[in-house]
Every structure is written in C-alpha cells, then in structure tokens.
Amino acid sequence: MSPAIAYDNLPYYTYDDYLTWEGEWELIDGTPYAMSPAPYPKHQKIVFKIGKELDAHLECNDKNCEVYISPIDWRVNDDTVVQPDVALFCEETEKQYFSKTPPIVVEVLSKATALKDVTSKFDLYEREGVLYYVIIEPESEISDIFKLIEGKYTLQKKVTLDDSYDFEVEGCRTTVDFGKLFQ
C-alpha cells in the first residue's frame, strides 16, 4: 500500500524563498507553514503577558540576553525559519533574524498552529537544543514546561494558575507567575 502523499514530490523551500513570500510564514525542514489566520486576542494577550513576566524577572550575566515576542525570525539553517511566540535570545545581531539557539521558547497554542507546535516545533526545538520549551493552552489555562535533559524533553511541570516556575539557564535566571497570564 502506498502513502496518501508522495513525499518525494513535495516542494522544498529555502530561506531565500521565504524572503519573497508575503504574509506570515514559517519554514521547517523545507516545508512552509502559513501563520494565518491571525491569532485570537486572548492568544496575543497571553503572549504579551508571558513576555512581560519573563522580562520583568530576568537576571543575566550576558547583556545580549533579551526577551522577544513574535514576529521575530530564528533562522535555524537554510531550510528552517521559525517565529516563536516568545523567546529568550542571547546574541547581538545586525541581521533580520537570530541564528543562535534560544535557551527558552514559549508557544501559546491556537487553533491554526497547535498541531505544529506540539509536533514539528517540539521536535525541532528538542533537536536544536532549546533548554526550556513552554507550551501554553489558553482554553484550559494549563501550561507544560519541558526541559532538555540528555537530548530529550522531559516534562518538568504541568502548571496551573496557582503556580510559578523558576527558569535557570547558563548565566541567566527568571521566574514566571502563571496566574498573571490569564488575568
């Protein structure tokens, strides 16, 4: 029995192609993903609030470590460019994108991108060495915090509105009060 899709026949795209596209896109291993429709206001409110929480409590030895919210490009390689909802990047760049692996990435699930966030992006972030991957589910108001241990993500905590979490990365630390995200 043959597969429903002949994967060898799918188009393959690169960063140069990505630069020519209109609208919001991500590119993972040569496959494009549309970032539309725009997220619900609740999604954007949570993105803003977690970015604010991470930034407010951020203590770093490296002055280049800063919290960014989407849209901001992380060019992983020539065929992968993603826009994490929130990320801690620790590099100074004059380019239109970051190229170093961020130690913390947060994705807030939305109907349009949830499957990609928990599959393709989960695998990508794990493979690329993102130390903490936080997945926030806006409807249930529950967040999963994964930490990279020996090359694999391990669920550290399933947090609710009553929880805070301390993130420790090389040279940096920060805390998030998850109750503040949904107020």
C-alpha atoms as a PDB file:
ATOM      1  CA  MET A   1       0.000   0.000   0.000  1.00  0.00           C
ATOM      2  CA  SER A   2       1.461   3.374  -0.992  1.00  0.00           C
ATOM      3  CA  PRO A   3       1.248   6.523   1.164  1.00  0.00           C
ATOM      4  CA  ALA A   4      -1.506   9.057   0.506  1.00  0.00           C
ATOM      5  CA  ILE A   5       1.129  11.677  -0.354  1.00  0.00           C
ATOM      6  CA  ALA A   6       4.308  11.070  -2.313  1.00  0.00           C
ATOM      7  CA  TYR A   7       6.681  12.938  -0.013  1.00  0.00           C
ATOM      8  CA  ASP A   8       9.467  12.909  -2.583  1.00  0.00           C
ATOM      9  CA  ASN A   9       7.287  15.120  -4.803  1.00  0.00           C
ATOM     10  CA  LEU A  10       6.579  17.855  -2.239  1.00  0.00           C
ATOM     11  CA  PRO A  11       8.208  21.215  -2.995  1.00  0.00           C
ATOM     12  CA  TYR A  12      11.305  22.063  -0.952  1.00  0.00           C
ATOM     13  CA  TYR A  13      11.959  25.672   0.019  1.00  0.00           C
ATOM     14  CA  THR A  14      14.878  27.616   1.476  1.00  0.00           C
ATOM     15  CA  TYR A  15      15.436  30.860   3.338  1.00  0.00           C
ATOM     16  CA  ASP A  16      15.832  32.705   0.018  1.00  0.00           C
ATOM     17  CA  ASP A  17      12.331  31.561  -0.996  1.00  0.00           C
ATOM     18  CA  TYR A  18      10.987  32.516   2.429  1.00  0.00           C
ATOM     19  CA  LEU A  19      12.201  36.097   1.971  1.00  0.00           C
ATOM     20  CA  THR A  20       9.990  36.524  -1.111  1.00  0.00           C
ATOM     21  CA  TRP A  21       6.716  35.380   0.468  1.00  0.00           C
ATOM     22  CA  GLU A  22       4.019  37.816   1.512  1.00  0.00           C
ATOM     23  CA  GLY A  23       2.266  37.403   4.825  1.00  0.00           C
ATOM     24  CA  GLU A  24       3.367  35.463   7.888  1.00  0.00           C
ATOM     25  CA  TRP A  25       5.112  32.128   7.282  1.00  0.00           C
ATOM     26  CA  GLU A  26       7.390  29.649   8.981  1.00  0.00           C
ATOM     27  CA  LEU A  27       9.654  27.177   7.211  1.00  0.00           C
ATOM     28  CA  ILE A  28      10.508  23.866   8.884  1.00  0.00           C
ATOM     29  CA  ASP A  29      12.860  21.469   7.126  1.00  0.00           C
ATOM     30  CA  GLY A  30      11.942  22.967   3.738  1.00  0.00           C
ATOM     31  CA  THR A  31       8.155  22.811   4.296  1.00  0.00           C
ATOM     32  CA  PRO A  32       6.236  26.114   4.503  1.00  0.00           C
ATOM     33  CA  TYR A  33       3.543  26.763   7.129  1.00  0.00           C
ATOM     34  CA  ALA A  34       1.133  29.692   6.825  1.00  0.00           C
ATOM     35  CA  MET A  35       0.710  31.703  10.016  1.00  0.00           C
ATOM     36  CA  SER A  36      -2.850  32.702   9.309  1.00  0.00           C
ATOM     37  CA  PRO A  37      -5.450  33.470  10.255  1.00  0.00           C
ATOM     38  CA  ALA A  38      -4.191  35.870  12.916  1.00  0.00           C
ATOM     39  CA  PRO A  39      -4.430  34.532  16.468  1.00  0.00           C
ATOM     40  CA  TYR A  40      -7.336  35.335  18.768  1.00  0.00           C
ATOM     41  CA  PRO A  41      -6.900  38.362  21.049  1.00  0.00           C
ATOM     42  CA  LYS A  42      -6.641  36.026  24.081  1.00  0.00           C
ATOM     43  CA  HIS A  43      -3.605  34.357  22.443  1.00  0.00           C
ATOM     44  CA  GLN A  44      -1.888  37.696  21.884  1.00  0.00           C
ATOM     45  CA  LYS A  45      -2.698  38.867  25.411  1.00  0.00           C
ATOM     46  CA  ILE A  46      -1.034  35.742  26.856  1.00  0.00           C
ATOM     47  CA  VAL A  47       1.990  36.168  24.545  1.00  0.00           C
ATOM     48  CA  PHE A  48       2.405  39.739  25.763  1.00  0.00           C
ATOM     49  CA  LYS A  49       1.957  38.836  29.439  1.00  0.00           C
ATOM     50  CA  ILE A  50       4.396  35.917  29.467  1.00  0.00           C
ATOM     51  CA  GLY A  51       6.939  38.022  27.602  1.00  0.00           C
ATOM     52  CA  LYS A  52       6.458  40.721  30.211  1.00  0.00           C
ATOM     53  CA  GLU A  53       6.784  38.195  33.092  1.00  0.00           C
ATOM     54  CA  LEU A  54       9.962  36.652  31.659  1.00  0.00           C
ATOM     55  CA  ASP A  55      11.480  40.086  31.085  1.00  0.00           C
ATOM     56  CA  ALA A  56      10.487  41.605  34.443  1.00  0.00           C
ATOM     57  CA  HIS A  57      12.328  38.926  36.415  1.00  0.00           C
ATOM     58  CA  LEU A  58      15.249  38.348  34.029  1.00  0.00           C
ATOM     59  CA  GLU A  59      18.705  38.434  35.576  1.00  0.00           C
ATOM     60  CA  CYS A  60      21.546  37.666  33.157  1.00  0.00           C
ATOM     61  CA  ASN A  61      25.311  37.957  33.117  1.00  0.00           C
ATOM     62  CA  ASP A  62      25.132  38.351  29.322  1.00  0.00           C
ATOM     63  CA  LYS A  63      23.801  41.812  28.376  1.00  0.00           C
ATOM     64  CA  ASN A  64      22.766  40.393  24.987  1.00  0.00           C
ATOM     65  CA  CYS A  65      20.110  38.144  26.541  1.00  0.00           C
ATOM     66  CA  GLU A  66      16.691  39.662  25.931  1.00  0.00           C
ATOM     67  CA  VAL A  67      13.089  38.517  25.682  1.00  0.00           C
ATOM     68  CA  TYR A  68      11.403  38.909  22.281  1.00  0.00           C
ATOM     69  CA  ILE A  69       7.834  38.330  21.171  1.00  0.00           C
ATOM     70  CA  SER A  70       6.679  37.296  17.713  1.00  0.00           C
ATOM     71  CA  PRO A  71       7.038  38.138  14.957  1.00  0.00           C
ATOM     72  CA  ILE A  72      10.808  37.661  15.163  1.00  0.00           C
ATOM     73  CA  ASP A  73      12.724  35.202  12.988  1.00  0.00           C
ATOM     74  CA  TRP A  74      15.004  32.481  14.277  1.00  0.00           C
ATOM     75  CA  ARG A  75      16.877  31.199  11.247  1.00  0.00           C
ATOM     76  CA  VAL A  76      17.915  27.717  12.326  1.00  0.00           C
ATOM     77  CA  ASN A  77      19.513  26.875   8.971  1.00  0.00           C
ATOM     78  CA  ASP A  78      18.914  27.381   5.253  1.00  0.00           C
ATOM     79  CA  ASP A  79      15.634  25.448   5.221  1.00  0.00           C
ATOM     80  CA  THR A  80      14.215  26.290   8.658  1.00  0.00           C
ATOM     81  CA  VAL A  81      12.988  29.662   9.914  1.00  0.00           C
ATOM     82  CA  VAL A  82      10.516  29.860  12.794  1.00  0.00           C
ATOM     83  CA  GLN A  83       8.837  32.618  14.756  1.00  0.00           C
ATOM     84  CA  PRO A  84       8.406  31.513  18.367  1.00  0.00           C
ATOM     85  CA  ASP A  85       5.639  33.351  20.201  1.00  0.00           C
ATOM     86  CA  VAL A  86       8.144  34.294  22.914  1.00  0.00           C
ATOM     87  CA  ALA A  87      11.862  33.527  23.180  1.00  0.00           C
ATOM     88  CA  LEU A  88      14.926  34.478  25.161  1.00  0.00           C
ATOM     89  CA  PHE A  89      17.673  35.189  22.632  1.00  0.00           C
ATOM     90  CA  CYS A  90      21.247  35.682  23.812  1.00  0.00           C
ATOM     91  CA  GLU A  91      23.004  37.218  20.855  1.00  0.00           C
ATOM     92  CA  GLU A  92      23.636  40.603  19.393  1.00  0.00           C
ATOM     93  CA  THR A  93      22.631  40.710  15.752  1.00  0.00           C
ATOM     94  CA  GLU A  94      22.507  43.256  12.976  1.00  0.00           C
ATOM     95  CA  LYS A  95      20.675  40.783  10.741  1.00  0.00           C
ATOM     96  CA  GLN A  96      16.940  40.482  10.245  1.00  0.00           C
ATOM     97  CA  TYR A  97      16.987  37.255  12.266  1.00  0.00           C
ATOM     98  CA  PHE A  98      18.605  35.449  15.157  1.00  0.00           C
ATOM     99  CA  SER A  99      20.793  32.437  14.426  1.00  0.00           C
ATOM    100  CA  LYS A 100      21.746  31.065  17.860  1.00  0.00           C
ATOM    101  CA  THR A 101      19.508  28.647  19.721  1.00  0.00           C
ATOM    102  CA  PRO A 102      17.449  30.455  22.364  1.00  0.00           C
ATOM    103  CA  PRO A 103      17.531  28.837  25.822  1.00  0.00           C
ATOM    104  CA  ILE A 104      13.798  29.437  26.413  1.00  0.00           C
ATOM    105  CA  VAL A 105      10.961  29.244  23.876  1.00  0.00           C
ATOM    106  CA  VAL A 106       7.249  29.668  24.581  1.00  0.00           C
ATOM    107  CA  GLU A 107       4.422  28.759  22.222  1.00  0.00           C
ATOM    108  CA  VAL A 108       0.826  29.693  23.007  1.00  0.00           C
ATOM    109  CA  LEU A 109      -1.459  27.232  21.262  1.00  0.00           C
ATOM    110  CA  SER A 110      -4.005  28.450  18.745  1.00  0.00           C
ATOM    111  CA  LYS A 111      -6.389  26.521  16.532  1.00  0.00           C
ATOM    112  CA  ALA A 112      -4.335  27.276  13.415  1.00  0.00           C
ATOM    113  CA  THR A 113      -0.930  26.261  14.820  1.00  0.00           C
ATOM    114  CA  ALA A 114      -1.484  23.868  17.757  1.00  0.00           C
ATOM    115  CA  LEU A 115      -0.663  20.673  15.861  1.00  0.00           C
ATOM    116  CA  LYS A 116       2.576  22.147  14.502  1.00  0.00           C
ATOM    117  CA  ASP A 117       3.553  23.489  17.947  1.00  0.00           C
ATOM    118  CA  VAL A 118       3.213  20.100  19.668  1.00  0.00           C
ATOM    119  CA  THR A 119       4.758  18.022  16.857  1.00  0.00           C
ATOM    120  CA  SER A 120       7.068  19.690  14.320  1.00  0.00           C
ATOM    121  CA  LYS A 121       8.186  22.532  16.566  1.00  0.00           C
ATOM    122  CA  PHE A 122       8.522  20.271  19.607  1.00  0.00           C
ATOM    123  CA  ASP A 123      10.857  18.006  17.596  1.00  0.00           C
ATOM    124  CA  LEU A 124      12.732  20.989  16.113  1.00  0.00           C
ATOM    125  CA  TYR A 125      13.304  22.706  19.465  1.00  0.00           C
ATOM    126  CA  GLU A 126      14.431  19.438  21.021  1.00  0.00           C
ATOM    127  CA  ARG A 127      16.802  18.713  18.118  1.00  0.00           C
ATOM    128  CA  GLU A 128      18.245  22.252  18.184  1.00  0.00           C
ATOM    129  CA  GLY A 129      18.895  22.224  21.928  1.00  0.00           C
ATOM    130  CA  VAL A 130      16.338  24.705  23.294  1.00  0.00           C
ATOM    131  CA  LEU A 131      16.736  24.142  27.048  1.00  0.00           C
ATOM    132  CA  TYR A 132      13.153  25.011  28.050  1.00  0.00           C
ATOM    133  CA  TYR A 133      10.082  24.672  25.858  1.00  0.00           C
ATOM    134  CA  VAL A 134       6.854  26.011  27.372  1.00  0.00           C
ATOM    135  CA  ILE A 135       3.533  25.161  25.735  1.00  0.00           C
ATOM    136  CA  ILE A 136       0.564  27.214  26.959  1.00  0.00           C
ATOM    137  CA  GLU A 137      -3.010  26.061  26.331  1.00  0.00           C
ATOM    138  CA  PRO A 138      -5.193  29.198  26.566  1.00  0.00           C
ATOM    139  CA  GLU A 139      -8.567  27.471  26.963  1.00  0.00           C
ATOM    140  CA  SER A 140      -7.639  25.151  29.850  1.00  0.00           C
ATOM    141  CA  GLU A 141      -5.173  27.724  31.245  1.00  0.00           C
ATOM    142  CA  ILE A 142      -2.637  24.928  31.787  1.00  0.00           C
ATOM    143  CA  SER A 143       0.978  25.107  30.664  1.00  0.00           C
ATOM    144  CA  ASP A 144       3.505  22.322  30.106  1.00  0.00           C
ATOM    145  CA  ILE A 145       7.139  23.077  30.885  1.00  0.00           C
ATOM    146  CA  PHE A 146       9.641  20.806  29.190  1.00  0.00           C
ATOM    147  CA  LYS A 147      13.358  20.789  29.918  1.00  0.00           C
ATOM    148  CA  LEU A 148      16.003  19.281  27.679  1.00  0.00           C
ATOM    149  CA  ILE A 149      17.761  16.518  29.613  1.00  0.00           C
ATOM    150  CA  GLU A 150      20.321  14.345  27.829  1.00  0.00           C
ATOM    151  CA  GLY A 151      18.971  15.464  24.443  1.00  0.00           C
ATOM    152  CA  LYS A 152      15.294  14.708  25.162  1.00  0.00           C
ATOM    153  CA  TYR A 153      12.478  16.827  26.531  1.00  0.00           C
ATOM    154  CA  THR A 154      11.228  15.827  29.950  1.00  0.00           C
ATOM    155  CA  LEU A 155       8.037  17.304  31.358  1.00  0.00           C
ATOM    156  CA  GLN A 156       9.126  19.280  34.420  1.00  0.00           C
ATOM    157  CA  LYS A 157       5.749  20.539  35.485  1.00  0.00           C
ATOM    158  CA  LYS A 158       2.177  20.954  34.338  1.00  0.00           C
ATOM    159  CA  VAL A 159       1.461  24.417  35.733  1.00  0.00           C
ATOM    160  CA  THR A 160      -1.864  25.994  36.598  1.00  0.00           C
ATOM    161  CA  LEU A 161      -2.923  29.483  37.649  1.00  0.00           C
ATOM    162  CA  ASP A 162      -1.622  28.835  41.155  1.00  0.00           C
ATOM    163  CA  ASP A 163       1.946  28.091  40.043  1.00  0.00           C
ATOM    164  CA  SER A 164       5.169  29.964  39.476  1.00  0.00           C
ATOM    165  CA  TYR A 165       8.234  28.482  37.836  1.00  0.00           C
ATOM    166  CA  ASP A 166      11.908  29.399  38.083  1.00  0.00           C
ATOM    167  CA  PHE A 167      13.909  29.041  34.872  1.00  0.00           C
ATOM    168  CA  GLU A 168      17.657  28.583  35.270  1.00  0.00           C
ATOM    169  CA  VAL A 169      19.826  28.801  32.159  1.00  0.00           C
ATOM    170  CA  GLU A 170      23.557  29.328  31.852  1.00  0.00           C
ATOM    171  CA  GLY A 171      24.226  32.814  33.191  1.00  0.00           C
ATOM    172  CA  CYS A 172      20.518  33.702  33.457  1.00  0.00           C
ATOM    173  CA  ARG A 173      17.517  33.142  35.602  1.00  0.00           C
ATOM    174  CA  THR A 174      13.925  34.304  35.518  1.00  0.00           C
ATOM    175  CA  THR A 175      10.565  33.483  37.085  1.00  0.00           C
ATOM    176  CA  VAL A 176       7.050  33.355  35.698  1.00  0.00           C
ATOM    177  CA  ASP A 177       3.917  33.666  37.814  1.00  0.00           C
ATOM    178  CA  PHE A 178       1.494  31.759  35.593  1.00  0.00           C
ATOM    179  CA  GLY A 179      -1.517  33.206  37.399  1.00  0.00           C
ATOM    180  CA  LYS A 180      -0.726  36.618  35.900  1.00  0.00           C
ATOM    181  CA  LEU A 181      -1.013  35.320  32.324  1.00  0.00           C
ATOM    182  CA  PHE A 182      -4.770  34.862  32.372  1.00  0.00           C
ATOM    183  CA  GLN A 183      -5.887  37.926  34.369  1.00  0.00           C
END
